[in-house]
N, C-alpha and C. Protein backbone atom coordinates (compact mmCIF):
# COMPACT_ATOMS: atom_id res chain seq x y z
N MET A 1 327.25 117.47 74.46
CA MET A 1 325.97 117.32 75.12
C MET A 1 326.10 116.32 76.27
N LEU A 2 325.29 116.52 77.29
CA LEU A 2 325.33 115.64 78.46
C LEU A 2 323.91 115.33 78.90
N ASN A 3 323.62 114.07 79.06
CA ASN A 3 322.32 113.61 79.55
C ASN A 3 322.60 112.72 80.75
N GLN A 4 322.59 113.33 81.94
CA GLN A 4 322.95 112.61 83.15
C GLN A 4 322.00 113.03 84.27
N ALA A 5 321.51 112.05 85.01
CA ALA A 5 320.64 112.32 86.16
C ALA A 5 321.17 111.56 87.36
N ILE A 6 321.19 112.23 88.51
CA ILE A 6 321.57 111.58 89.76
C ILE A 6 320.45 111.87 90.75
N LEU A 7 319.83 110.80 91.26
CA LEU A 7 318.68 110.92 92.14
C LEU A 7 318.88 110.07 93.39
N VAL A 8 318.30 110.52 94.49
CA VAL A 8 318.25 109.74 95.72
C VAL A 8 316.80 109.75 96.19
N GLY A 9 316.26 108.56 96.42
CA GLY A 9 314.88 108.49 96.86
C GLY A 9 314.56 107.15 97.49
N ARG A 10 313.34 107.04 97.95
CA ARG A 10 312.87 105.82 98.61
C ARG A 10 312.04 105.01 97.62
N VAL A 11 312.28 103.70 97.56
CA VAL A 11 311.57 102.82 96.63
C VAL A 11 310.09 102.79 97.02
N LYS A 12 309.26 103.19 96.09
CA LYS A 12 307.82 103.21 96.31
C LYS A 12 307.14 101.98 95.71
N GLU A 13 307.65 101.55 94.53
CA GLU A 13 307.01 100.45 93.81
C GLU A 13 308.08 99.64 93.07
N LEU A 14 307.92 98.33 93.09
CA LEU A 14 308.83 97.42 92.39
C LEU A 14 308.06 96.67 91.31
N GLN A 15 308.60 96.69 90.09
CA GLN A 15 308.04 95.89 89.02
C GLN A 15 309.19 95.12 88.38
N ASP A 16 308.89 94.32 87.37
CA ASP A 16 309.90 93.45 86.78
C ASP A 16 311.10 94.21 86.24
N ASP A 17 310.87 95.22 85.44
CA ASP A 17 311.99 95.92 84.82
C ASP A 17 312.06 97.40 85.18
N LYS A 18 311.31 97.80 86.20
CA LYS A 18 311.39 99.19 86.65
C LYS A 18 311.01 99.31 88.12
N ILE A 19 311.51 100.38 88.72
CA ILE A 19 311.10 100.75 90.06
C ILE A 19 310.62 102.19 90.01
N THR A 20 309.82 102.57 90.97
CA THR A 20 309.40 103.95 91.12
C THR A 20 309.95 104.42 92.45
N ILE A 21 310.66 105.58 92.42
CA ILE A 21 311.19 106.11 93.67
C ILE A 21 310.48 107.42 94.01
N ALA A 22 310.32 107.66 95.30
CA ALA A 22 309.71 108.87 95.82
C ALA A 22 310.83 109.81 96.27
N ILE A 23 310.77 111.05 95.78
CA ILE A 23 311.80 112.03 96.10
C ILE A 23 311.11 113.27 96.67
N PRO A 24 311.24 113.50 97.98
CA PRO A 24 310.62 114.71 98.54
C PRO A 24 311.37 115.96 98.11
N ARG A 25 310.64 117.01 97.85
CA ARG A 25 311.27 118.29 97.48
C ARG A 25 311.87 118.94 98.72
N SER A 26 312.81 119.82 98.52
CA SER A 26 313.53 120.44 99.64
C SER A 26 312.88 121.73 100.12
N TYR A 27 311.72 122.05 99.60
CA TYR A 27 311.03 123.28 100.02
C TYR A 27 309.54 122.98 100.19
N LYS A 28 308.87 123.82 100.96
CA LYS A 28 307.45 123.61 101.25
C LYS A 28 306.58 124.30 100.21
N ASN A 29 305.40 123.74 99.97
CA ASN A 29 304.44 124.35 99.05
C ASN A 29 303.64 125.43 99.78
N GLU A 30 302.62 125.97 99.12
CA GLU A 30 301.80 127.03 99.71
C GLU A 30 301.08 126.59 100.98
N ASP A 31 300.82 125.29 101.11
CA ASP A 31 300.13 124.75 102.29
C ASP A 31 301.10 124.43 103.43
N GLY A 32 302.40 124.70 103.22
CA GLY A 32 303.39 124.42 104.26
C GLY A 32 303.83 122.97 104.32
N GLU A 33 303.57 122.21 103.26
CA GLU A 33 303.94 120.80 103.21
C GLU A 33 304.98 120.57 102.12
N TYR A 34 305.74 119.49 102.26
CA TYR A 34 306.72 119.10 101.26
C TYR A 34 306.05 118.22 100.20
N ASP A 35 306.11 118.62 98.94
CA ASP A 35 305.61 117.79 97.86
C ASP A 35 306.61 116.68 97.58
N THR A 36 306.13 115.61 96.98
CA THR A 36 306.99 114.47 96.63
C THR A 36 306.84 114.19 95.15
N ASP A 37 307.96 113.99 94.48
CA ASP A 37 307.96 113.59 93.07
C ASP A 37 308.18 112.09 92.99
N TYR A 38 307.49 111.44 92.05
CA TYR A 38 307.63 110.01 91.82
C TYR A 38 308.26 109.82 90.44
N VAL A 39 309.41 109.14 90.42
CA VAL A 39 310.17 108.98 89.18
C VAL A 39 310.31 107.50 88.87
N ASP A 40 309.99 107.13 87.63
CA ASP A 40 310.18 105.76 87.17
C ASP A 40 311.62 105.55 86.76
N ILE A 41 312.21 104.45 87.22
CA ILE A 41 313.58 104.08 86.89
C ILE A 41 313.52 102.77 86.12
N HIS A 42 313.94 102.79 84.86
CA HIS A 42 313.96 101.57 84.05
C HIS A 42 315.32 100.91 84.18
N MET A 43 315.32 99.58 84.30
CA MET A 43 316.55 98.82 84.54
C MET A 43 316.66 97.68 83.54
N GLN A 44 317.91 97.27 83.30
CA GLN A 44 318.15 96.08 82.48
C GLN A 44 319.48 95.46 82.86
N GLY A 45 319.69 94.24 82.43
CA GLY A 45 320.96 93.55 82.67
C GLY A 45 321.23 93.28 84.13
N THR A 46 322.50 93.45 84.54
CA THR A 46 322.90 93.14 85.91
C THR A 46 322.28 94.09 86.92
N ILE A 47 321.98 95.31 86.50
CA ILE A 47 321.32 96.25 87.41
C ILE A 47 319.94 95.72 87.78
N LYS A 48 319.23 95.23 86.79
CA LYS A 48 317.90 94.67 87.02
C LYS A 48 317.99 93.44 87.93
N GLU A 49 318.97 92.59 87.70
CA GLU A 49 319.14 91.38 88.52
C GLU A 49 319.42 91.74 89.98
N SER A 50 320.33 92.69 90.20
CA SER A 50 320.66 93.10 91.57
C SER A 50 319.47 93.74 92.26
N ALA A 51 318.78 94.62 91.56
CA ALA A 51 317.63 95.30 92.14
C ALA A 51 316.53 94.31 92.49
N THR A 52 316.28 93.36 91.60
CA THR A 52 315.24 92.36 91.85
C THR A 52 315.57 91.52 93.08
N GLU A 53 316.85 91.22 93.25
CA GLU A 53 317.25 90.36 94.36
C GLU A 53 317.32 91.11 95.70
N TYR A 54 317.79 92.36 95.70
CA TYR A 54 318.11 93.02 96.96
C TYR A 54 317.19 94.17 97.36
N LEU A 55 316.45 94.76 96.43
CA LEU A 55 315.62 95.91 96.77
C LEU A 55 314.28 95.50 97.35
N ASN A 56 313.82 96.30 98.30
CA ASN A 56 312.49 96.14 98.87
C ASN A 56 311.81 97.50 98.92
N LYS A 57 310.51 97.49 98.96
CA LYS A 57 309.76 98.72 99.09
C LYS A 57 310.20 99.43 100.37
N GLY A 58 310.47 100.73 100.27
CA GLY A 58 310.90 101.51 101.43
C GLY A 58 312.40 101.73 101.51
N ASP A 59 313.20 100.96 100.76
CA ASP A 59 314.65 101.14 100.76
C ASP A 59 315.02 102.49 100.13
N ILE A 60 316.12 103.06 100.59
CA ILE A 60 316.64 104.29 99.99
C ILE A 60 317.75 103.91 99.02
N VAL A 61 317.65 104.46 97.79
CA VAL A 61 318.62 104.15 96.75
C VAL A 61 319.14 105.42 96.10
N GLY A 62 320.36 105.33 95.59
CA GLY A 62 320.93 106.37 94.75
C GLY A 62 320.93 105.83 93.33
N ILE A 63 320.52 106.66 92.38
CA ILE A 63 320.42 106.25 90.99
C ILE A 63 321.25 107.19 90.14
N LYS A 64 322.07 106.62 89.27
CA LYS A 64 322.77 107.39 88.26
C LYS A 64 322.28 106.86 86.92
N GLY A 65 321.86 107.75 86.03
CA GLY A 65 321.34 107.29 84.76
C GLY A 65 321.13 108.43 83.79
N SER A 66 320.39 108.15 82.73
CA SER A 66 320.09 109.15 81.71
C SER A 66 318.58 109.29 81.56
N LEU A 67 318.15 110.48 81.19
CA LEU A 67 316.73 110.76 81.01
C LEU A 67 316.26 110.31 79.64
N SER A 68 315.04 109.79 79.58
CA SER A 68 314.40 109.44 78.32
C SER A 68 312.98 109.99 78.33
N THR A 69 312.46 110.31 77.17
CA THR A 69 311.10 110.82 77.05
C THR A 69 310.40 110.14 75.90
N ASN A 70 309.07 110.05 76.01
CA ASN A 70 308.24 109.53 74.93
C ASN A 70 306.83 110.02 75.17
N GLU A 71 306.30 110.79 74.26
CA GLU A 71 304.93 111.30 74.33
C GLU A 71 304.65 111.99 75.66
N GLY A 72 305.56 112.80 76.13
CA GLY A 72 305.36 113.57 77.35
C GLY A 72 305.73 112.85 78.63
N ASN A 73 306.02 111.56 78.57
CA ASN A 73 306.44 110.81 79.75
C ASN A 73 307.95 110.89 79.89
N VAL A 74 308.41 111.05 81.13
CA VAL A 74 309.85 111.13 81.40
C VAL A 74 310.22 110.03 82.38
N TRP A 75 311.34 109.35 82.13
CA TRP A 75 311.85 108.33 83.04
C TRP A 75 313.36 108.33 82.98
N VAL A 76 313.97 107.58 83.89
CA VAL A 76 315.42 107.47 83.95
C VAL A 76 315.82 106.04 83.60
N ASN A 77 316.80 105.91 82.71
CA ASN A 77 317.40 104.60 82.41
C ASN A 77 318.59 104.44 83.33
N ALA A 78 318.51 103.50 84.25
CA ALA A 78 319.54 103.33 85.28
C ALA A 78 320.85 102.83 84.68
N GLU A 79 321.94 103.48 85.06
CA GLU A 79 323.28 103.03 84.72
C GLU A 79 323.97 102.44 85.94
N LYS A 80 323.56 102.92 87.12
CA LYS A 80 324.12 102.44 88.38
C LYS A 80 323.11 102.65 89.49
N ILE A 81 322.97 101.66 90.36
CA ILE A 81 322.12 101.79 91.55
C ILE A 81 322.99 101.54 92.77
N THR A 82 322.91 102.46 93.72
CA THR A 82 323.63 102.32 94.98
C THR A 82 322.61 102.11 96.08
N PHE A 83 322.75 101.03 96.82
CA PHE A 83 321.84 100.72 97.92
C PHE A 83 322.30 101.49 99.15
N LEU A 84 321.55 102.52 99.54
CA LEU A 84 321.97 103.41 100.62
C LEU A 84 321.43 102.98 101.98
N SER A 85 320.20 102.51 102.02
CA SER A 85 319.60 102.12 103.29
C SER A 85 318.50 101.11 103.02
N SER A 86 318.46 100.10 103.84
CA SER A 86 317.43 99.09 103.70
C SER A 86 316.47 99.21 104.87
N ARG A 87 315.22 99.33 104.59
CA ARG A 87 314.23 99.42 105.66
C ARG A 87 314.23 98.12 106.45
N HIS A 88 314.49 96.99 105.79
CA HIS A 88 314.56 95.69 106.46
C HIS A 88 315.69 95.70 107.49
N ASN A 89 316.86 96.20 107.12
CA ASN A 89 317.99 96.26 108.04
C ASN A 89 317.73 97.25 109.16
N ASP A 90 317.06 98.38 108.85
CA ASP A 90 316.73 99.36 109.88
C ASP A 90 315.81 98.74 110.93
N ASP A 91 314.84 97.93 110.50
CA ASP A 91 313.93 97.27 111.43
C ASP A 91 314.69 96.29 112.31
N ASP A 92 315.66 95.55 111.72
CA ASP A 92 316.48 94.61 112.50
C ASP A 92 317.26 95.34 113.58
N GLU A 93 317.82 96.50 113.24
CA GLU A 93 318.61 97.25 114.21
C GLU A 93 317.73 97.73 115.36
N GLU A 94 316.51 98.17 115.05
CA GLU A 94 315.61 98.62 116.11
C GLU A 94 315.26 97.48 117.06
N GLU A 95 315.07 96.28 116.52
CA GLU A 95 314.74 95.13 117.36
C GLU A 95 315.92 94.77 118.26
N LYS A 96 317.15 94.91 117.76
CA LYS A 96 318.33 94.57 118.55
C LYS A 96 318.52 95.55 119.70
N GLU A 97 318.12 96.83 119.49
CA GLU A 97 318.30 97.84 120.53
C GLU A 97 317.32 97.66 121.67
N ASP A 98 316.16 97.04 121.44
CA ASP A 98 315.14 96.89 122.49
C ASP A 98 315.53 95.93 123.56
């Protein structure tokens, strides 16, 4: 058996032991718009410490983890977080180009 999830999304919300990431779908709905899924990522240990220190709302992250469920709720328990893009750094680069 294998319980593995790999997600890439933008940080929507930061809390003490979890983040919520926004993941746009790759296809349009009936209205011609892209729907977005919001996934809760639970963290602990060094992953939680790194995320708390370095993540900001709007950053793009890659998450590797396992799925968990309870009473119809689904979330991911993070095993690894990769910091792909920082909105803070992107803003700095734009200022330097001006």
